[in-house]
Protein backbone atom coordinates (compact mmCIF):
# COMPACT_ATOMS: atom_id res chain seq x y z
CA MET A 1 32.94 23.85 132.46
CA CYS A 2 29.93 21.57 130.89
CA ILE A 3 30.97 18.87 133.84
CA ASP A 4 30.89 19.04 137.51
CA PRO A 5 34.29 18.39 138.74
CA ALA A 6 32.92 16.95 142.19
CA LYS A 7 31.30 14.26 140.37
CA SER A 8 32.67 10.91 138.43
CA TYR A 9 32.72 10.17 135.24
CA THR A 10 32.30 6.73 133.11
CA ALA A 11 33.16 6.29 128.99
CA THR A 12 32.13 3.36 128.05
CA PHE A 13 33.59 2.74 124.50
CA ASN A 14 30.98 0.33 122.49
CA THR A 15 33.65 -1.09 119.92
CA SER A 16 33.38 -3.46 117.32
CA GLU A 17 36.04 -5.79 119.15
CA GLY A 18 34.32 -5.76 122.64
CA VAL A 19 33.79 -3.09 125.27
CA ILE A 20 36.28 -0.36 127.05
CA GLU A 21 34.89 1.37 130.41
CA VAL A 22 37.00 3.86 131.62
CA ALA A 23 37.10 6.22 134.66
CA LEU A 24 37.59 9.57 133.93
CA ASP A 25 39.62 11.96 136.09
CA THR A 26 37.71 14.88 136.90
CA LYS A 27 40.34 15.41 139.86
CA LYS A 28 43.47 16.25 138.29
CA THR A 29 42.61 17.16 134.44
CA PRO A 30 38.92 18.61 134.60
CA SER A 31 39.44 20.46 131.63
CA THR A 32 40.79 17.59 129.02
CA VAL A 33 37.82 15.45 131.05
CA ASN A 34 35.25 18.04 130.13
CA ASN A 35 36.36 18.51 126.60
CA PHE A 36 36.37 14.84 126.30
CA VAL A 37 33.03 14.21 127.41
CA THR A 38 31.38 17.64 125.59
CA LEU A 39 32.71 15.61 122.46
CA SER A 40 31.48 12.24 123.60
CA ARG A 41 27.94 13.84 123.85
CA TYR A 42 27.74 15.60 121.13
CA GLY A 43 28.73 12.20 118.86
CA TYR A 44 32.13 12.83 118.10
CA TYR A 45 33.74 9.82 118.81
CA ASP A 46 30.40 7.64 117.22
CA THR A 47 31.18 5.50 114.49
CA SER A 48 35.30 6.62 114.24
CA PHE A 49 37.85 4.30 114.37
CA ILE A 50 40.71 3.14 116.31
CA PHE A 51 43.02 3.89 113.65
CA ARG A 52 46.57 3.24 115.27
CA THR A 53 48.00 0.22 116.79
CA ASP A 54 51.67 0.90 117.83
CA VAL A 55 53.47 -2.58 118.93
CA SER A 56 56.32 -0.31 119.95
CA LEU A 57 54.74 1.79 122.29
CA ASP A 58 51.71 -0.66 123.19
CA ILE A 59 49.22 1.58 122.30
CA ILE A 60 46.29 2.22 120.37
CA GLN A 61 45.03 5.37 119.23
CA GLY A 62 41.42 7.00 118.06
CA GLY A 63 39.69 9.87 117.78
CA GLY A 64 39.86 10.64 113.95
CA SER A 65 40.53 8.66 110.59
CA ASN A 66 44.10 9.79 111.13
CA ASN A 67 46.51 11.25 113.30
CA THR A 68 45.90 14.74 112.18
CA ASP A 69 41.82 14.86 112.10
CA GLY A 70 40.72 17.03 114.92
CA PRO A 71 37.57 18.66 116.00
CA GLY A 72 38.93 21.71 115.11
CA TYR A 73 40.67 23.48 118.07
CA THR A 74 43.32 22.58 120.68
CA ILE A 75 43.42 22.76 124.06
CA LYS A 76 45.65 23.77 127.01
CA ASP A 77 47.47 20.59 128.59
CA GLU A 78 47.14 20.00 132.12
CA GLY A 79 50.17 19.43 133.86
CA THR A 80 53.68 17.26 133.41
CA GLY A 81 55.63 14.60 134.19
CA PHE A 82 53.23 11.71 133.35
CA LYS A 83 54.23 8.35 133.82
CA TYR A 84 52.48 6.14 131.64
CA ALA A 85 51.28 2.56 132.96
CA GLU A 86 48.82 0.31 131.22
CA GLY A 87 45.62 0.67 131.13
CA ASP A 88 45.49 4.96 130.97
CA LEU A 89 43.33 7.22 128.16
CA VAL A 90 45.62 9.90 127.28
CA MET A 91 45.00 12.57 125.25
CA ALA A 92 46.98 12.85 122.00
CA ARG A 93 48.76 15.84 120.49
CA SER A 94 50.86 16.63 117.91
CA SER A 95 54.68 17.16 118.42
CA GLY A 96 54.22 20.65 120.27
CA ALA A 97 52.65 21.26 123.51
CA ASP A 98 48.87 22.29 123.95
CA SER A 99 48.08 20.56 120.62
CA GLY A 100 45.36 17.90 122.16
CA GLY A 101 41.84 18.16 121.01
CA GLY A 102 40.29 14.89 120.09
CA GLN A 103 42.36 12.02 119.74
CA PHE A 104 43.39 9.63 122.48
CA PHE A 105 45.04 6.40 123.09
CA PHE A 106 45.12 3.85 125.22
CA VAL A 107 48.23 2.32 126.85
CA THR A 108 48.00 -1.97 126.69
CA GLY A 109 51.85 -2.56 128.60
CA PRO A 110 54.73 -1.48 129.45
CA LYS A 111 56.26 -0.57 126.38
CA ALA A 112 54.58 3.00 126.76
CA SER A 113 56.74 4.03 129.69
CA VAL A 114 59.32 5.49 127.01
CA LEU A 115 56.88 8.16 126.51
CA ASP A 116 57.71 8.97 129.97
CA SER A 117 60.80 11.62 129.23
CA GLN A 118 58.02 13.59 127.11
CA GLY A 119 55.70 13.60 130.10
CA THR A 120 53.16 15.91 128.48
CA TYR A 121 50.56 13.93 127.31
CA VAL A 122 48.28 14.38 129.48
CA THR A 123 46.38 10.89 131.38
CA PHE A 124 42.71 11.61 131.79
CA GLY A 125 41.47 8.18 132.59
CA LYS A 126 41.96 4.62 133.57
CA ILE A 127 40.69 1.22 132.36
CA THR A 128 38.33 -0.19 134.62
CA LYS A 129 37.06 -3.10 132.27
CA GLY A 130 38.32 -4.14 128.87
CA LEU A 131 41.67 -3.80 129.12
CA ASP A 132 41.98 -7.28 127.38
CA VAL A 133 39.81 -5.86 124.58
CA ALA A 134 42.34 -2.66 124.21
CA GLN A 135 45.40 -5.38 124.12
CA ALA A 136 43.20 -6.97 121.37
CA ILE A 137 42.89 -4.53 119.30
CA LEU A 138 46.70 -3.92 119.24
CA ALA A 139 47.32 -7.57 118.79
CA LEU A 140 45.84 -6.53 115.40
CA ASN A 141 48.44 -4.56 114.38
CA SER A 142 49.29 -4.92 110.25
CA GLY A 143 52.41 -3.57 110.65
CA GLU A 144 51.48 -1.19 107.54
CA GLY A 145 50.70 2.55 108.31
CA ASP A 146 52.25 5.84 109.82
CA LEU A 147 53.46 5.46 113.07
CA GLY A 148 53.46 2.28 114.14
CA GLY A 149 50.96 0.27 111.99
CA ALA A 150 47.09 0.08 111.67
CA PRO A 151 44.51 -2.65 112.49
CA SER A 152 44.22 -5.40 110.32
CA LYS A 153 41.16 -5.15 109.81
CA PRO A 154 38.84 -1.91 110.87
CA VAL A 155 37.83 -1.14 114.47
CA LYS A 156 35.11 0.63 114.89
CA ILE A 157 34.01 2.88 118.05
CA ASP A 158 30.43 2.62 117.71
CA THR A 159 29.34 4.58 120.23
CA LEU A 160 31.17 6.31 123.16
CA VAL A 161 28.56 6.75 126.27
CA ILE A 162 29.42 8.64 129.36
CA THR A 163 27.82 8.00 132.53
CA GLU A 164 27.67 10.65 135.11
CA LYS A 165 27.61 9.68 139.40
């Protein structure tokens, strides 16, 4: 573990569309937060893009250039039975369990509740500032591309900064 689960961590996404701040949940998902913080501190997300906007699910996704990019490893899921709500930061994965790695998605509205029956996408943070920015990114949906579409213009994550308290 590179983080101290007794401390609190904030992730600040400085994007081309504005700032999104997220409180990371070290209590319920310490391993997932540890993975995300480690990747962030190594600059994995810096200069990456939000490549997916899916208005049918109210989500925007990043952490790679497409839905198959990853850091070269996967992590174990932490828990099941998640209910997805506006403002959640969630670890993306493929169709199988324990297949998350570096990709994530933000829930921007109520339509993501359709994922509740799957419940194994690990929620590891909550937007504390910038939900309007995430929703504006979703509104850029072009209707073109895989898995619900992509933004109509590139949405860059310039930097992702982790703050520890």
